[in-house]
Amino acid sequence: MVASGNDFVVVDNRRGAVKDATAFAREICRSHLGAGADGLLLFENSKKANFKMRILNSDGSEAAACGNGFRCIALYAHDILKYSSRMNFESGSGLIEAEVGQKNQIKVQLVKPRVFERDGIVEVCKHRLHYAFLDTGVPHVVIFVEGLEKVEVFEIGRAIRNHTHFQPFGTNVNFVEVKSKKEIKVRTYERGVENETLACGTGSTASAVVSVLKGYTEPSVNVLTQSGEKLRIEMQRKGDEITKVFLEGKARFVYKGEYFL
């Protein structure tokens, strides 16, 4: 499945077919030797929600949240497993609410953002960069730039991701250019994929949240991703705090098949 350029292998694991999720993610996500994907989504049983979702990056590490993955699993639950258009499910970051609309448009409510640093400074690759650091289900650094297409996302992103300040878990890194009061463009270096991806839902959300808190944009923000698709981020604000945040965009099926272990 694909959402805004993020691609995932989705597996119904309610009967426990995948025993070693880490090894399976590494194997099936490998290009050429596997199916090839940014990550693996496992659909599992839950005692407190409609279902449980586990997210594994292509390197086998497990992630607490993935905005684009959330939209894919919601569409999968609705179209393939015939769940209602409104649903909730467990994730490593907490309970996620989702709604599947027309033309594969999916809206999810993410967990409440937690801002750790609003005006940090980091020096990497001979650059002194101002950043914000927050959690939208997983940790994200947000850096505002001009001339986004010229930014060395891989080199600088990798350096920040592995910087001692963000250890032991590391961080995702988003480079953001403000286009207008209603739109930003984002490029993201993703932890776990260890490269730039075509889109990142939680990264787009983090970028939009910081844009609003800094007064660069209004509370409803369009995010242009590197894939060319736009995501819609809506939020409710109370003073200097974002109390609720919603991510909306399309997801789609690419193919289905059998994988021989």
Protein backbone atom coordinates (compact mmCIF):
# COMPACT_ATOMS: atom_id res chain seq x y z
CA MET A 1 0.00 0.00 0.00
CA VAL A 2 1.04 3.60 -0.57
CA ALA A 3 0.15 6.85 1.16
CA SER A 4 1.75 10.04 -0.21
CA GLY A 5 4.79 8.14 -1.46
CA ASN A 6 5.38 6.11 1.73
CA ASP A 7 4.99 2.44 0.80
CA PHE A 8 4.18 -0.45 3.14
CA VAL A 9 3.69 -4.18 3.12
CA VAL A 10 0.48 -4.85 5.10
CA VAL A 11 -0.08 -8.26 6.69
CA ASP A 12 -3.12 -9.64 8.52
CA ASN A 13 -1.34 -11.10 11.53
CA ARG A 14 -4.34 -11.90 13.73
CA ARG A 15 -3.43 -15.60 13.70
CA GLY A 16 0.24 -14.92 14.41
CA ALA A 17 1.62 -15.96 11.03
CA VAL A 18 4.57 -13.59 11.49
CA LYS A 19 6.56 -14.98 14.42
CA ASP A 20 9.69 -12.82 14.25
CA ALA A 21 8.50 -9.40 13.12
CA THR A 22 11.97 -7.85 13.09
CA ALA A 23 13.47 -10.50 10.82
CA PHE A 24 10.40 -10.56 8.58
CA ALA A 25 10.42 -6.77 8.15
CA ARG A 26 14.08 -6.77 7.15
CA GLU A 27 13.46 -9.56 4.66
CA ILE A 28 10.26 -8.41 2.99
CA CYS A 29 11.18 -4.70 2.88
CA ARG A 30 14.46 -5.32 1.02
CA SER A 31 14.48 -4.07 -2.56
CA HIS A 32 15.24 -6.72 -5.21
CA LEU A 33 15.39 -9.59 -2.69
CA GLY A 34 12.02 -8.94 -1.04
CA ALA A 35 8.86 -7.03 -1.90
CA GLY A 36 10.59 -3.71 -1.18
CA ALA A 37 8.98 -1.10 1.10
CA ASP A 38 9.62 1.66 3.62
CA GLY A 39 8.05 -0.48 6.31
CA LEU A 40 5.83 -3.33 7.45
CA LEU A 41 2.35 -2.91 8.98
CA LEU A 42 0.95 -5.78 11.03
CA PHE A 43 -2.80 -5.96 11.64
CA GLU A 44 -3.37 -7.71 14.99
CA ASN A 45 -6.08 -8.36 17.57
CA SER A 46 -6.89 -5.89 20.34
CA LYS A 47 -8.90 -6.17 23.56
CA LYS A 48 -9.53 -2.43 23.89
CA ALA A 49 -9.98 -1.19 20.31
CA ASN A 50 -11.19 -2.44 16.93
CA PHE A 51 -7.70 -3.77 16.25
CA LYS A 52 -4.01 -3.26 16.94
CA MET A 53 -1.40 -2.00 14.48
CA ARG A 54 2.32 -2.65 14.72
CA ILE A 55 4.79 -0.69 12.59
CA LEU A 56 8.26 -1.92 11.68
CA ASN A 57 10.75 0.09 9.67
CA SER A 58 12.71 -1.48 6.84
CA ASP A 59 15.68 -1.98 9.19
CA GLY A 60 13.53 -4.08 11.53
CA SER A 61 13.16 -1.45 14.26
CA GLU A 62 9.66 -0.97 15.65
CA ALA A 63 8.08 2.48 15.51
CA ALA A 64 5.43 3.86 17.82
CA ALA A 65 3.64 5.87 15.15
CA CYS A 66 3.45 6.44 11.41
CA GLY A 67 0.85 8.86 10.06
CA ASN A 68 0.90 7.51 6.52
CA GLY A 69 0.86 3.96 7.86
CA PHE A 70 -2.17 4.82 9.98
CA ARG A 71 -4.07 5.87 6.88
CA CYS A 72 -3.05 2.71 5.01
CA ILE A 73 -4.12 0.37 7.81
CA ALA A 74 -7.47 2.17 8.13
CA LEU A 75 -8.18 1.73 4.42
CA TYR A 76 -7.07 -1.91 4.65
CA ALA A 77 -9.39 -2.53 7.61
CA HIS A 78 -12.33 -0.92 5.79
CA ASP A 79 -11.89 -2.22 2.25
CA ILE A 80 -10.38 -5.67 2.83
CA LEU A 81 -11.61 -6.68 6.29
CA LYS A 82 -14.94 -4.81 6.04
CA TYR A 83 -14.65 -2.72 9.20
CA SER A 84 -16.84 0.35 9.58
CA SER A 85 -15.68 3.62 7.98
CA ARG A 86 -15.11 4.95 11.51
CA MET A 87 -12.71 2.99 13.69
CA ASN A 88 -10.14 3.16 16.44
CA PHE A 89 -7.01 1.11 16.86
CA GLU A 90 -4.06 0.62 19.15
CA SER A 91 -0.61 1.87 18.21
CA GLY A 92 2.66 2.19 20.05
CA SER A 93 1.86 5.88 20.54
CA GLY A 94 -1.66 5.35 21.89
CA LEU A 95 -5.20 5.02 20.59
CA ILE A 96 -5.76 6.34 17.06
CA GLU A 97 -9.14 7.44 15.67
CA ALA A 98 -9.66 7.08 11.92
CA GLU A 99 -12.33 7.73 9.33
CA VAL A 100 -12.34 6.47 5.74
CA GLY A 101 -14.06 8.91 3.41
CA GLN A 102 -14.82 8.98 -0.28
CA LYS A 103 -12.17 8.36 -2.93
CA ASN A 104 -9.79 6.76 -0.41
CA GLN A 105 -9.50 9.97 1.60
CA ILE A 106 -8.59 9.02 5.18
CA LYS A 107 -8.51 11.26 8.24
CA VAL A 108 -6.78 10.21 11.44
CA GLN A 109 -6.52 11.88 14.82
CA LEU A 110 -2.98 11.52 16.11
CA VAL A 111 -1.87 11.67 19.72
CA LYS A 112 -1.49 15.07 21.36
CA PRO A 113 1.87 16.61 20.32
CA ARG A 114 4.52 17.09 23.00
CA VAL A 115 6.98 19.93 22.41
CA PHE A 116 10.39 19.43 24.06
CA GLU A 117 12.37 22.33 22.58
CA ARG A 118 11.07 25.29 20.60
CA ASP A 119 14.30 27.15 19.89
CA GLY A 120 17.25 24.78 19.97
CA ILE A 121 20.54 25.17 18.09
CA VAL A 122 22.62 22.34 16.68
CA GLU A 123 25.91 22.42 14.76
CA VAL A 124 26.42 19.72 12.09
CA CYS A 125 28.19 19.53 8.72
CA LYS A 126 29.60 23.06 9.22
CA HIS A 127 26.07 24.45 9.63
CA ARG A 128 24.59 26.13 12.72
CA LEU A 129 20.91 25.32 12.58
CA HIS A 130 17.92 26.49 14.63
CA TYR A 131 15.39 23.76 15.33
CA ALA A 132 12.31 22.70 17.26
CA PHE A 133 12.10 19.24 18.80
CA LEU A 134 8.77 17.55 19.47
CA ASP A 135 6.93 14.25 19.54
CA THR A 136 3.90 13.56 17.33
CA GLY A 137 3.90 9.86 18.15
CA VAL A 138 7.61 9.60 17.34
CA PRO A 139 10.37 12.23 17.81
CA HIS A 140 10.90 14.89 15.16
CA VAL A 141 13.30 17.78 14.65
CA VAL A 142 11.87 20.62 12.55
CA ILE A 143 14.17 23.07 10.75
CA PHE A 144 12.93 25.98 8.64
CA VAL A 145 14.93 26.75 5.51
CA GLU A 146 14.87 28.72 2.30
CA GLY A 147 15.64 26.94 -0.97
CA LEU A 148 14.42 23.56 0.23
CA GLU A 149 15.38 21.70 -2.93
CA LYS A 150 19.04 22.60 -2.42
CA VAL A 151 19.21 21.26 1.14
CA GLU A 152 21.45 18.20 1.62
CA VAL A 153 18.71 16.24 3.36
CA PHE A 154 20.56 12.92 3.54
CA GLU A 155 23.87 14.27 4.85
CA ILE A 156 22.51 16.83 7.31
CA GLY A 157 19.53 14.70 8.28
CA ARG A 158 21.71 11.71 9.09
CA ALA A 159 24.07 13.86 11.16
CA ILE A 160 21.22 15.28 13.25
CA ARG A 161 19.47 11.91 13.53
CA ASN A 162 22.64 10.47 15.12
CA HIS A 163 23.65 13.57 17.10
CA THR A 164 24.44 12.90 20.76
CA HIS A 165 21.81 15.43 21.87
CA PHE A 166 19.02 13.18 20.56
CA GLN A 167 20.36 9.88 21.85
CA PRO A 168 19.69 7.15 22.81
CA PHE A 169 16.76 6.89 20.41
CA GLY A 170 17.70 9.38 17.71
CA THR A 171 15.17 11.47 15.82
CA ASN A 172 13.51 12.04 12.47
CA VAL A 173 14.53 15.29 10.79
CA ASN A 174 12.25 17.60 8.77
CA PHE A 175 13.36 20.51 6.60
CA VAL A 176 10.50 22.95 6.03
CA GLU A 177 9.92 25.84 3.66
CA VAL A 178 6.94 28.13 4.28
CA LYS A 179 5.07 28.79 1.04
CA SER A 180 2.18 30.85 2.44
CA LYS A 181 0.03 31.23 5.54
CA LYS A 182 -1.77 28.06 4.45
CA GLU A 183 0.95 25.89 2.94
CA ILE A 184 4.38 24.49 3.73
CA LYS A 185 6.68 22.10 1.88
CA VAL A 186 8.54 19.38 3.79
CA ARG A 187 11.42 16.99 3.15
CA THR A 188 12.11 14.32 5.77
CA TYR A 189 15.01 12.11 6.76
CA GLU A 190 13.38 9.11 8.47
CA ARG A 191 14.88 7.21 11.33
CA GLY A 192 14.63 3.46 10.71
CA VAL A 193 14.54 3.89 6.95
CA GLU A 194 17.81 5.82 7.32
CA ASN A 195 17.19 7.88 4.23
CA GLU A 196 14.96 10.59 2.85
CA THR A 197 11.46 9.33 2.12
CA LEU A 198 8.89 10.75 -0.28
CA ALA A 199 6.61 11.64 2.63
CA CYS A 200 6.24 11.28 6.38
CA GLY A 201 2.85 11.74 8.04
CA THR A 202 4.06 12.37 11.58
CA GLY A 203 6.84 14.56 10.18
CA SER A 204 4.37 16.61 8.15
CA THR A 205 2.26 16.93 11.30
CA ALA A 206 5.24 18.00 13.42
CA SER A 207 6.24 20.57 10.79
CA ALA A 208 2.70 21.96 10.64
CA VAL A 209 2.45 22.14 14.45
CA VAL A 210 5.67 24.15 14.74
CA SER A 211 4.63 26.37 11.82
CA VAL A 212 1.43 27.25 13.66
CA LEU A 213 3.11 27.76 17.04
CA LYS A 214 5.65 30.12 15.47
CA GLY A 215 2.91 32.06 13.67
CA TYR A 216 4.11 31.17 10.18
CA THR A 217 0.84 29.52 9.18
CA GLU A 218 -2.79 29.21 10.21
CA PRO A 219 -4.09 26.19 12.18
CA SER A 220 -5.24 24.41 9.00
CA VAL A 221 -2.11 23.69 6.95
CA ASN A 222 -1.55 22.04 3.58
CA VAL A 223 1.73 20.14 3.47
CA LEU A 224 3.36 19.52 0.10
CA THR A 225 5.43 16.34 0.31
CA GLN A 226 8.39 15.29 -1.82
CA SER A 227 6.12 12.86 -3.68
CA GLY A 228 4.09 15.81 -4.95
CA GLU A 229 1.00 14.89 -2.94
CA LYS A 230 -0.55 17.21 -0.40
CA LEU A 231 -1.54 16.34 3.14
CA ARG A 232 -4.00 18.31 5.22
CA ILE A 233 -3.16 18.99 8.87
CA GLU A 234 -5.85 20.47 11.09
CA MET A 235 -5.44 21.25 14.75
CA GLN A 236 -7.05 22.80 17.78
CA ARG A 237 -4.98 25.28 19.74
CA LYS A 238 -5.29 26.52 23.30
CA GLY A 239 -2.77 29.26 23.99
CA ASP A 240 0.70 27.92 23.31
CA GLU A 241 -0.52 24.33 23.29
CA ILE A 242 -1.89 22.17 20.48
CA THR A 243 -4.60 20.03 22.07
CA LYS A 244 -5.74 17.99 19.05
CA VAL A 245 -4.24 17.32 15.65
CA PHE A 246 -5.66 15.58 12.57
CA LEU A 247 -3.89 14.25 9.48
CA GLU A 248 -5.82 13.78 6.24
CA GLY A 249 -4.78 12.43 2.86
CA LYS A 250 -5.22 9.62 0.39
CA ALA A 251 -4.02 6.03 0.52
CA ARG A 252 -4.25 3.29 -2.07
CA PHE A 253 -3.57 -0.36 -2.79
CA VAL A 254 -0.72 -1.20 -5.16
CA TYR A 255 -0.86 -4.99 -5.31
CA LYS A 256 -1.69 -8.09 -3.29
CA GLY A 257 -0.03 -11.47 -3.27
CA GLU A 258 1.54 -14.31 -1.34
CA TYR A 259 4.97 -14.23 0.21
CA PHE A 260 6.79 -17.52 0.70
CA LEU A 261 8.74 -17.67 3.95
